[in-house]
C-alpha atoms as a PDB file:
ATOM      1  CA  MET A   1     -39.108  39.558 170.445  1.00  0.00           C
ATOM      2  CA  LYS A   2     -40.168  43.221 170.650  1.00  0.00           C
ATOM      3  CA  ALA A   3     -38.379  46.144 169.009  1.00  0.00           C
ATOM      4  CA  LYS A   4     -38.760  49.868 169.600  1.00  0.00           C
ATOM      5  CA  VAL A   5     -39.179  51.999 166.492  1.00  0.00           C
ATOM      6  CA  TYR A   6     -37.305  55.308 166.740  1.00  0.00           C
ATOM      7  CA  THR A   7     -38.093  58.506 164.892  1.00  0.00           C
ATOM      8  CA  ILE A   8     -35.306  60.562 163.313  1.00  0.00           C
ATOM      9  CA  ASP A   9     -35.586  62.834 166.377  1.00  0.00           C
ATOM     10  CA  GLY A  10     -34.501  59.960 168.628  1.00  0.00           C
ATOM     11  CA  SER A  11     -37.887  59.509 170.318  1.00  0.00           C
ATOM     12  CA  ILE A  12     -39.758  56.196 170.424  1.00  0.00           C
ATOM     13  CA  ALA A  13     -42.724  56.120 168.021  1.00  0.00           C
ATOM     14  CA  GLU A  14     -44.045  52.602 168.608  1.00  0.00           C
ATOM     15  CA  GLU A  15     -43.154  49.021 169.436  1.00  0.00           C
ATOM     16  CA  ILE A  16     -43.305  46.159 166.936  1.00  0.00           C
ATOM     17  CA  ASP A  17     -42.841  42.384 166.967  1.00  0.00           C
ATOM     18  CA  LEU A  18     -39.710  41.178 165.192  1.00  0.00           C
ATOM     19  CA  PRO A  19     -40.179  38.392 162.614  1.00  0.00           C
ATOM     20  CA  SER A  20     -39.069  34.867 163.491  1.00  0.00           C
ATOM     21  CA  CYS A  21     -36.033  35.206 161.175  1.00  0.00           C
ATOM     22  CA  PHE A  22     -34.386  37.279 163.939  1.00  0.00           C
ATOM     23  CA  GLN A  23     -34.634  34.406 166.423  1.00  0.00           C
ATOM     24  CA  VAL A  24     -32.479  31.703 164.823  1.00  0.00           C
ATOM     25  CA  GLU A  25     -29.811  29.765 166.728  1.00  0.00           C
ATOM     26  CA  PHE A  26     -26.357  31.387 166.667  1.00  0.00           C
ATOM     27  CA  ARG A  27     -23.969  29.241 164.593  1.00  0.00           C
ATOM     28  CA  PRO A  28     -20.561  30.972 164.294  1.00  0.00           C
ATOM     29  CA  ASP A  29     -19.061  27.921 162.554  1.00  0.00           C
ATOM     30  CA  ILE A  30     -21.591  28.016 159.699  1.00  0.00           C
ATOM     31  CA  ILE A  31     -21.264  31.811 159.421  1.00  0.00           C
ATOM     32  CA  GLN A  32     -17.468  31.616 159.101  1.00  0.00           C
ATOM     33  CA  LYS A  33     -17.740  28.855 156.490  1.00  0.00           C
ATOM     34  CA  ALA A  34     -20.240  30.863 154.414  1.00  0.00           C
ATOM     35  CA  VAL A  35     -18.093  34.017 154.451  1.00  0.00           C
ATOM     36  CA  ASN A  36     -15.002  32.048 153.411  1.00  0.00           C
ATOM     37  CA  ILE A  37     -16.924  30.617 150.449  1.00  0.00           C
ATOM     38  CA  ILE A  38     -18.263  34.030 149.376  1.00  0.00           C
ATOM     39  CA  ARG A  39     -14.743  35.449 149.467  1.00  0.00           C
ATOM     40  CA  ALA A  40     -13.266  32.463 147.604  1.00  0.00           C
ATOM     41  CA  ASN A  41     -15.825  32.864 144.808  1.00  0.00           C
ATOM     42  CA  ARG A  42     -14.746  36.467 144.374  1.00  0.00           C
ATOM     43  CA  ARG A  43     -11.111  35.542 143.691  1.00  0.00           C
ATOM     44  CA  GLN A  44      -9.725  36.172 140.246  1.00  0.00           C
ATOM     45  CA  PRO A  45      -7.718  33.372 138.577  1.00  0.00           C
ATOM     46  CA  TYR A  46      -4.063  34.231 138.118  1.00  0.00           C
ATOM     47  CA  GLY A  47      -0.958  32.530 136.811  1.00  0.00           C
ATOM     48  CA  ALA A  48       2.656  33.032 135.819  1.00  0.00           C
ATOM     49  CA  LYS A  49       3.723  34.065 132.329  1.00  0.00           C
ATOM     50  CA  LYS A  50       4.606  30.917 130.348  1.00  0.00           C
ATOM     51  CA  THR A  51       8.072  32.205 129.445  1.00  0.00           C
ATOM     52  CA  ALA A  52       8.838  33.619 132.904  1.00  0.00           C
ATOM     53  CA  GLY A  53      12.406  32.718 133.906  1.00  0.00           C
ATOM     54  CA  LYS A  54      13.168  31.290 130.462  1.00  0.00           C
ATOM     55  CA  ASP A  55      14.181  34.459 128.617  1.00  0.00           C
ATOM     56  CA  TYR A  56      17.838  33.453 128.389  1.00  0.00           C
ATOM     57  CA  VAL A  57      20.077  32.034 125.670  1.00  0.00           C
ATOM     58  CA  ALA A  58      21.619  29.257 127.746  1.00  0.00           C
ATOM     59  CA  GLU A  59      22.695  25.658 127.196  1.00  0.00           C
ATOM     60  CA  SER A  60      24.524  22.988 129.150  1.00  0.00           C
ATOM     61  CA  PHE A  61      28.308  22.723 128.753  1.00  0.00           C
ATOM     62  CA  GLY A  62      27.850  18.944 128.701  1.00  0.00           C
ATOM     63  CA  PRO A  63      29.530  16.203 130.767  1.00  0.00           C
ATOM     64  CA  GLY A  64      33.198  15.826 131.644  1.00  0.00           C
ATOM     65  CA  ARG A  65      33.827  19.249 133.147  1.00  0.00           C
ATOM     66  CA  GLY A  66      33.180  18.455 136.799  1.00  0.00           C
ATOM     67  CA  MET A  67      30.120  20.704 136.989  1.00  0.00           C
ATOM     68  CA  ALA A  68      26.361  20.192 136.967  1.00  0.00           C
ATOM     69  CA  ARG A  69      24.808  19.776 133.527  1.00  0.00           C
ATOM     70  CA  VAL A  70      22.386  22.688 133.907  1.00  0.00           C
ATOM     71  CA  PRO A  71      21.873  25.358 131.221  1.00  0.00           C
ATOM     72  CA  ARG A  72      24.503  28.046 131.571  1.00  0.00           C
ATOM     73  CA  LEU A  73      25.208  31.495 130.187  1.00  0.00           C
ATOM     74  CA  PRO A  74      28.487  31.992 128.286  1.00  0.00           C
ATOM     75  CA  ARG A  75      30.401  32.935 131.456  1.00  0.00           C
ATOM     76  CA  GLY A  76      29.226  29.860 133.344  1.00  0.00           C
ATOM     77  CA  ARG A  77      26.333  31.253 135.375  1.00  0.00           C
ATOM     78  CA  ALA A  78      23.400  28.834 135.685  1.00  0.00           C
ATOM     79  CA  ALA A  79      20.101  29.962 134.144  1.00  0.00           C
ATOM     80  CA  ILE A  80      16.519  28.827 133.472  1.00  0.00           C
ATOM     81  CA  VAL A  81      16.402  25.981 136.041  1.00  0.00           C
ATOM     82  CA  PRO A  82      14.371  26.555 139.263  1.00  0.00           C
ATOM     83  CA  GLN A  83      17.434  26.558 141.547  1.00  0.00           C
ATOM     84  CA  ALA A  84      19.137  29.330 139.545  1.00  0.00           C
ATOM     85  CA  VAL A  85      18.753  33.017 140.353  1.00  0.00           C
ATOM     86  CA  GLY A  86      16.231  34.446 137.877  1.00  0.00           C
ATOM     87  CA  GLY A  87      15.203  30.972 136.730  1.00  0.00           C
ATOM     88  CA  ARG A  88      11.689  29.647 136.282  1.00  0.00           C
ATOM     89  CA  GLU A  89       9.506  28.635 139.206  1.00  0.00           C
ATOM     90  CA  ALA A  90       9.154  24.868 139.712  1.00  0.00           C
ATOM     91  CA  HIS A  91       5.378  24.838 140.187  1.00  0.00           C
ATOM     92  CA  PRO A  92       4.001  28.309 139.454  1.00  0.00           C
ATOM     93  CA  PRO A  93       0.337  29.286 140.026  1.00  0.00           C
ATOM     94  CA  LYS A  94      -1.848  28.314 137.075  1.00  0.00           C
ATOM     95  CA  VAL A  95      -4.957  30.021 135.704  1.00  0.00           C
ATOM     96  CA  GLU A  96      -6.642  26.625 135.376  1.00  0.00           C
ATOM     97  CA  LYS A  97      -6.892  26.284 139.155  1.00  0.00           C
ATOM     98  CA  ILE A  98     -10.519  26.321 140.324  1.00  0.00           C
ATOM     99  CA  TRP A  99     -10.985  28.687 143.258  1.00  0.00           C
ATOM    100  CA  ARG A 100     -14.773  28.440 143.303  1.00  0.00           C
ATOM    101  CA  LYS A 101     -16.396  26.633 146.222  1.00  0.00           C
ATOM    102  CA  ARG A 102     -19.965  25.532 146.779  1.00  0.00           C
ATOM    103  CA  MET A 103     -22.272  25.375 149.782  1.00  0.00           C
ATOM    104  CA  ASN A 104     -25.656  23.753 150.278  1.00  0.00           C
ATOM    105  CA  LYS A 105     -28.508  26.238 149.814  1.00  0.00           C
ATOM    106  CA  LYS A 106     -30.082  25.413 153.176  1.00  0.00           C
ATOM    107  CA  GLU A 107     -26.702  25.737 154.880  1.00  0.00           C
ATOM    108  CA  MET A 108     -26.116  29.165 153.307  1.00  0.00           C
ATOM    109  CA  LEU A 109     -29.618  30.213 154.351  1.00  0.00           C
ATOM    110  CA  LEU A 110     -28.949  29.072 157.921  1.00  0.00           C
ATOM    111  CA  ALA A 111     -25.727  31.116 157.943  1.00  0.00           C
ATOM    112  CA  ARG A 112     -27.586  34.223 156.733  1.00  0.00           C
ATOM    113  CA  LEU A 113     -30.385  33.914 159.291  1.00  0.00           C
ATOM    114  CA  SER A 114     -27.943  33.107 162.088  1.00  0.00           C
ATOM    115  CA  ALA A 115     -25.897  36.218 161.241  1.00  0.00           C
ATOM    116  CA  LEU A 116     -29.132  38.233 161.031  1.00  0.00           C
ATOM    117  CA  SER A 117     -30.156  37.062 164.509  1.00  0.00           C
ATOM    118  CA  ALA A 118     -26.714  37.963 165.891  1.00  0.00           C
ATOM    119  CA  THR A 119     -27.298  41.630 164.982  1.00  0.00           C
ATOM    120  CA  VAL A 120     -30.023  41.905 167.653  1.00  0.00           C
ATOM    121  CA  ASN A 121     -27.924  40.236 170.373  1.00  0.00           C
ATOM    122  CA  GLU A 122     -26.214  42.978 172.378  1.00  0.00           C
ATOM    123  CA  GLU A 123     -23.568  40.688 173.876  1.00  0.00           C
ATOM    124  CA  ILE A 124     -22.413  39.407 170.466  1.00  0.00           C
ATOM    125  CA  VAL A 125     -22.397  42.918 168.954  1.00  0.00           C
ATOM    126  CA  ARG A 126     -20.272  44.296 171.803  1.00  0.00           C
ATOM    127  CA  GLN A 127     -17.859  41.352 171.540  1.00  0.00           C
ATOM    128  CA  ARG A 128     -17.258  42.350 167.936  1.00  0.00           C
ATOM    129  CA  GLY A 129     -15.913  45.694 169.175  1.00  0.00           C
ATOM    130  CA  HIS A 130     -18.771  48.053 168.329  1.00  0.00           C
ATOM    131  CA  LYS A 131     -19.370  51.061 170.581  1.00  0.00           C
ATOM    132  CA  PHE A 132     -22.931  52.218 171.210  1.00  0.00           C
ATOM    133  CA  SER A 133     -25.336  53.213 173.948  1.00  0.00           C
ATOM    134  CA  ALA A 134     -28.553  52.337 172.082  1.00  0.00           C
ATOM    135  CA  GLU A 135     -30.777  49.423 172.972  1.00  0.00           C
ATOM    136  CA  LEU A 136     -30.798  46.636 170.378  1.00  0.00           C
ATOM    137  CA  PRO A 137     -32.411  45.973 167.956  1.00  0.00           C
ATOM    138  CA  ILE A 138     -32.291  49.420 166.320  1.00  0.00           C
ATOM    139  CA  VAL A 139     -35.316  50.073 164.099  1.00  0.00           C
ATOM    140  CA  ILE A 140     -35.990  53.557 162.669  1.00  0.00           C
ATOM    141  CA  ASP A 141     -39.152  54.773 160.966  1.00  0.00           C
ATOM    142  CA  ASP A 142     -39.199  55.007 157.183  1.00  0.00           C
ATOM    143  CA  SER A 143     -38.550  58.769 157.047  1.00  0.00           C
ATOM    144  CA  PHE A 144     -34.894  57.883 157.710  1.00  0.00           C
ATOM    145  CA  GLU A 145     -34.663  56.619 154.111  1.00  0.00           C
ATOM    146  CA  GLU A 146     -35.416  60.111 152.775  1.00  0.00           C
ATOM    147  CA  LEU A 147     -32.378  61.805 154.359  1.00  0.00           C
ATOM    148  CA  LYS A 148     -30.040  63.220 151.715  1.00  0.00           C
ATOM    149  CA  LYS A 149     -27.224  64.824 153.719  1.00  0.00           C
ATOM    150  CA  THR A 150     -24.428  63.136 155.636  1.00  0.00           C
ATOM    151  CA  LYS A 151     -24.794  65.716 158.396  1.00  0.00           C
ATOM    152  CA  GLU A 152     -28.429  64.684 158.919  1.00  0.00           C
ATOM    153  CA  VAL A 153     -27.499  60.994 159.163  1.00  0.00           C
ATOM    154  CA  LEU A 154     -24.829  61.767 161.770  1.00  0.00           C
ATOM    155  CA  GLU A 155     -27.351  63.767 163.793  1.00  0.00           C
ATOM    156  CA  VAL A 156     -29.737  60.789 163.825  1.00  0.00           C
ATOM    157  CA  PHE A 157     -26.897  58.441 164.826  1.00  0.00           C
ATOM    158  CA  GLU A 158     -26.023  60.742 167.717  1.00  0.00           C
ATOM    159  CA  LYS A 159     -29.635  60.931 168.913  1.00  0.00           C
ATOM    160  CA  ILE A 160     -30.109  57.158 168.960  1.00  0.00           C
ATOM    161  CA  GLY A 161     -26.655  56.505 170.461  1.00  0.00           C
ATOM    162  CA  ILE A 162     -24.500  54.921 167.744  1.00  0.00           C
ATOM    163  CA  LYS A 163     -22.370  57.835 166.474  1.00  0.00           C
ATOM    164  CA  GLU A 164     -19.404  56.774 168.618  1.00  0.00           C
ATOM    165  CA  ASP A 165     -19.081  53.628 166.493  1.00  0.00           C
ATOM    166  CA  VAL A 166     -18.577  55.743 163.359  1.00  0.00           C
ATOM    167  CA  ASP A 167     -15.911  57.689 165.284  1.00  0.00           C
ATOM    168  CA  ARG A 168     -14.266  54.366 166.229  1.00  0.00           C
ATOM    169  CA  ALA A 169     -14.037  53.401 162.545  1.00  0.00           C
ATOM    170  CA  LYS A 170     -12.641  56.821 161.625  1.00  0.00           C
ATOM    171  CA  GLU A 171      -9.919  56.595 164.279  1.00  0.00           C
ATOM    172  CA  GLY A 172      -9.123  53.007 163.270  1.00  0.00           C
ATOM    173  CA  LYS A 173      -8.276  53.863 159.655  1.00  0.00           C
ATOM    174  CA  HIS A 174      -4.662  52.872 158.987  1.00  0.00           C
ATOM    175  CA  ILE A 175      -2.238  52.126 156.165  1.00  0.00           C
ATOM    176  CA  ARG A 176      -2.339  48.507 155.075  1.00  0.00           C
ATOM    177  CA  ALA A 177       0.697  46.305 155.619  1.00  0.00           C
ATOM    178  CA  GLY A 178       2.288  44.692 152.580  1.00  0.00           C
ATOM    179  CA  LYS A 179       2.160  45.281 148.843  1.00  0.00           C
ATOM    180  CA  GLY A 180      -1.571  46.013 148.765  1.00  0.00           C
ATOM    181  CA  LYS A 181      -0.858  49.615 149.748  1.00  0.00           C
ATOM    182  CA  ARG A 182       0.500  50.289 146.256  1.00  0.00           C
ATOM    183  CA  LYS A 183      -2.260  48.418 144.434  1.00  0.00           C
ATOM    184  CA  GLY A 184      -5.161  50.771 144.959  1.00  0.00           C
ATOM    185  CA  ARG A 185      -6.074  49.658 148.489  1.00  0.00           C
ATOM    186  CA  LYS A 186      -3.749  51.730 150.647  1.00  0.00           C
ATOM    187  CA  TYR A 187      -5.974  52.027 153.722  1.00  0.00           C
ATOM    188  CA  LYS A 188      -7.828  49.541 155.909  1.00  0.00           C
ATOM    189  CA  ILE A 189     -10.993  50.873 157.566  1.00  0.00           C
ATOM    190  CA  PRO A 190     -12.859  48.985 160.320  1.00  0.00           C
ATOM    191  CA  LYS A 191     -16.468  48.084 159.549  1.00  0.00           C
ATOM    192  CA  SER A 192     -18.983  50.269 161.354  1.00  0.00           C
ATOM    193  CA  VAL A 193     -22.785  50.588 161.054  1.00  0.00           C
ATOM    194  CA  LEU A 194     -24.779  48.592 158.504  1.00  0.00           C
ATOM    195  CA  ILE A 195     -27.963  50.314 157.306  1.00  0.00           C
ATOM    196  CA  VAL A 196     -30.710  48.096 155.885  1.00  0.00           C
ATOM    197  CA  ALA A 197     -33.247  50.206 153.972  1.00  0.00           C
ATOM    198  CA  LEU A 198     -35.915  49.163 151.477  1.00  0.00           C
ATOM    199  CA  ASN A 199     -35.534  52.339 149.367  1.00  0.00           C
ATOM    200  CA  LYS A 200     -31.841  53.054 149.695  1.00  0.00           C
ATOM    201  CA  GLU A 201     -31.245  55.587 146.896  1.00  0.00           C
ATOM    202  CA  ASN A 202     -31.190  58.716 149.082  1.00  0.00           C
ATOM    203  CA  ILE A 203     -29.786  57.277 152.291  1.00  0.00           C
ATOM    204  CA  LYS A 204     -26.970  55.552 150.389  1.00  0.00           C
ATOM    205  CA  LYS A 205     -25.761  58.875 148.998  1.00  0.00           C
ATOM    206  CA  ALA A 206     -25.943  60.415 152.463  1.00  0.00           C
ATOM    207  CA  ALA A 207     -24.337  57.626 154.500  1.00  0.00           C
ATOM    208  CA  SER A 208     -21.887  55.826 152.206  1.00  0.00           C
ATOM    209  CA  ASN A 209     -19.160  58.415 152.747  1.00  0.00           C
ATOM    210  CA  LEU A 210     -19.093  57.730 156.487  1.00  0.00           C
ATOM    211  CA  PRO A 211     -16.131  55.502 157.457  1.00  0.00           C
ATOM    212  CA  GLY A 212     -17.052  51.833 157.717  1.00  0.00           C
ATOM    213  CA  VAL A 213     -20.762  52.371 156.945  1.00  0.00           C
ATOM    214  CA  ASP A 214     -22.563  50.207 154.346  1.00  0.00           C
ATOM    215  CA  VAL A 215     -26.101  50.654 152.990  1.00  0.00           C
ATOM    216  CA  VAL A 216     -28.005  47.688 151.521  1.00  0.00           C
ATOM    217  CA  ASP A 217     -31.587  46.717 150.828  1.00  0.00           C
ATOM    218  CA  PRO A 218     -33.107  43.542 152.358  1.00  0.00           C
ATOM    219  CA  ASP A 219     -32.889  41.576 149.104  1.00  0.00           C
ATOM    220  CA  GLU A 220     -29.117  42.009 148.714  1.00  0.00           C
ATOM    221  CA  LEU A 221     -28.333  41.319 152.360  1.00  0.00           C
ATOM    222  CA  ASN A 222     -25.817  38.480 152.643  1.00  0.00           C
ATOM    223  CA  VAL A 223     -23.641  36.883 155.315  1.00  0.00           C
ATOM    224  CA  GLU A 224     -20.599  39.021 154.516  1.00  0.00           C
ATOM    225  CA  TYR A 225     -22.496  42.266 155.143  1.00  0.00           C
ATOM    226  CA  LEU A 226     -23.874  40.926 158.445  1.00  0.00           C
ATOM    227  CA  ALA A 227     -20.617  39.294 159.567  1.00  0.00           C
ATOM    228  CA  PRO A 228     -17.587  40.947 157.891  1.00  0.00           C
ATOM    229  CA  GLY A 229     -14.579  38.651 157.984  1.00  0.00           C
ATOM    230  CA  GLY A 230     -16.792  35.886 159.360  1.00  0.00           C
ATOM    231  CA  HIS A 231     -17.226  37.678 162.705  1.00  0.00           C
ATOM    232  CA  ALA A 232     -20.943  37.922 163.460  1.00  0.00           C
ATOM    233  CA  GLY A 233     -22.650  40.717 165.368  1.00  0.00           C
ATOM    234  CA  ARG A 234     -22.366  43.803 163.183  1.00  0.00           C
ATOM    235  CA  LEU A 235     -24.071  46.933 164.534  1.00  0.00           C
ATOM    236  CA  THR A 236     -27.103  47.210 162.237  1.00  0.00           C
ATOM    237  CA  VAL A 237     -29.834  49.802 161.749  1.00  0.00           C
ATOM    238  CA  TYR A 238     -33.079  48.639 160.139  1.00  0.00           C
ATOM    239  CA  THR A 239     -35.877  50.779 158.774  1.00  0.00           C
ATOM    240  CA  LYS A 240     -39.383  49.634 159.679  1.00  0.00           C
ATOM    241  CA  GLN A 241     -40.331  48.589 156.152  1.00  0.00           C
ATOM    242  CA  SER A 242     -37.053  46.682 155.716  1.00  0.00           C
ATOM    243  CA  VAL A 243     -37.940  44.615 158.808  1.00  0.00           C
ATOM    244  CA  GLU A 244     -41.358  43.913 157.288  1.00  0.00           C
ATOM    245  CA  ARG A 245     -39.712  42.917 153.998  1.00  0.00           C
ATOM    246  CA  LEU A 246     -37.363  40.491 155.784  1.00  0.00           C
ATOM    247  CA  GLY A 247     -40.355  39.006 157.591  1.00  0.00           C
ATOM    248  CA  GLU A 248     -42.150  38.412 154.274  1.00  0.00           C
ATOM    249  CA  LYS A 249     -39.053  36.987 152.606  1.00  0.00           C
ATOM    250  CA  TYR A 250     -38.343  34.401 155.307  1.00  0.00           C
ATOM    251  CA  GLU A 251     -41.927  33.864 156.459  1.00  0.00           C
ATOM    252  CA  SER A 252     -42.105  30.236 155.314  1.00  0.00           C
ATOM    253  CA  ILE A 253     -38.870  29.200 157.047  1.00  0.00           C
END
């Protein structure tokens, strides 16, 4: 498969051959499984307080009164038992529960390469909801990694035809439903462009503040970056040397 290499001016500098790791069979089932496992392994154990629902001075009135022999407060209100208001939970969550899941190494590798290949398939990327006019795959020359200003990154996105996807993410920002909004994660923001750069220090500072945009280097690229939520086909921008690095990394596969 061929790929055009764009300059930061939006013109085509050259054409390169993509490594074989971009031509793996699309397996949405394996991708979804891998993302679920990554997310499960990030969960923090939690459990109920041991004395929750038991902070009462209550005892049963005993038999012979025509009422259930449950612990009661002095005025007869039931306490402590699971069916009582304010009582303990019958089977509360326990910190001993093991949330961690495992996946075969070769299976996880297949998921990663399958998700990587989906990023160069225009049909799959459009099905995910991304908006762009550029031709996939999008490869930019290495000078893109030296950009230090957000304004410069947006100008490049506009020239190569992917700025409208950043606008889509900005317009899609909304307040989260449920209790999470008061726990430090008030807003949900759609995922937009993924930038894969070998030397990401400068470009990360410039692009990370754009809504939905992530910046990673080839060695930390995983299935969740390529397929957020398990949905493959994320709009991805590669620098030329990051493509070469991916080719070297998966050359023997």
